[in-house]
Amino acid sequence: MIKCPITNSDIDIAECVVIVDVSEGCAKETILSDNIKKVENWREICKHCKEHNN
C-alpha cells in the first residue's frame, strides 16, 4: 500500500501505477476512478509525489 496524496489515503501499488501512467499520457483518463478525476490538479499532485518515479 502507498499513501496517495491525491486521495489522502492508502491505495494499492497497481492503482498508483495506473494513475502515474495516465498522468504521463501513457494511458487514457477513462481508466481512472472518479475519486481521482474529481480532484483538481490531480496530475500535478501525482507528478510531485515521492512515489511517482519509483
Protein backbone atom coordinates (compact mmCIF):
# COMPACT_ATOMS: atom_id res chain seq x y z
CA MET A 1 0.00 0.00 0.00
CA ILE A 2 1.08 3.52 -0.81
CA LYS A 3 -0.14 6.77 0.74
CA CYS A 4 -1.61 8.68 -2.20
CA PRO A 5 -1.50 12.48 -1.87
CA ILE A 6 -4.41 12.77 -4.32
CA THR A 7 -6.85 10.80 -2.19
CA ASN A 8 -5.05 11.26 1.13
CA SER A 9 -5.47 7.55 1.71
CA ASP A 10 -3.64 4.28 1.17
CA ILE A 11 -4.01 2.80 -2.31
CA ASP A 12 -2.80 -0.41 -3.91
CA ILE A 13 0.50 -0.19 -5.79
CA ALA A 14 -1.24 -1.25 -9.01
CA GLU A 15 -3.68 1.66 -8.74
CA CYS A 16 -0.74 4.00 -8.21
CA VAL A 17 0.88 2.72 -11.41
CA VAL A 18 -2.34 3.34 -13.34
CA ILE A 19 -2.58 6.91 -12.02
CA VAL A 20 1.06 7.58 -12.90
CA ASP A 21 0.58 6.14 -16.41
CA VAL A 22 -2.42 8.40 -17.02
CA SER A 23 -0.64 11.45 -15.61
CA GLU A 24 2.23 10.83 -18.02
CA GLY A 25 -0.09 10.37 -21.01
CA CYS A 26 0.66 6.65 -21.39
CA ALA A 27 -2.96 5.64 -20.73
CA LYS A 28 -6.35 7.27 -21.20
CA GLU A 29 -8.02 9.12 -18.35
CA THR A 30 -11.14 6.99 -18.76
CA ILE A 31 -9.47 4.16 -16.81
CA LEU A 32 -9.21 6.29 -13.66
CA SER A 33 -11.74 6.08 -10.86
CA ASP A 34 -13.97 9.09 -10.33
CA ASN A 35 -12.42 9.83 -6.93
CA ILE A 36 -9.13 10.64 -8.70
CA LYS A 37 -10.60 12.64 -11.58
CA LYS A 38 -12.67 14.86 -9.27
CA VAL A 39 -9.55 16.20 -7.53
CA GLU A 40 -8.40 19.47 -9.04
CA ASN A 41 -4.80 19.34 -10.30
CA TRP A 42 -4.50 15.59 -9.69
CA ARG A 43 -1.86 15.29 -12.41
CA GLU A 44 0.41 17.84 -10.75
CA ILE A 45 -0.14 16.27 -7.35
CA CYS A 46 0.83 12.90 -8.82
CA LYS A 47 3.93 14.23 -10.58
CA HIS A 48 5.18 15.77 -7.34
CA CYS A 49 4.59 12.64 -5.27
CA LYS A 50 7.71 10.91 -3.92
CA GLU A 51 6.41 7.62 -5.38
CA HIS A 52 5.92 9.00 -8.91
CA ASN A 53 9.19 7.71 -10.37
CA ASN A 54 9.58 4.60 -8.25
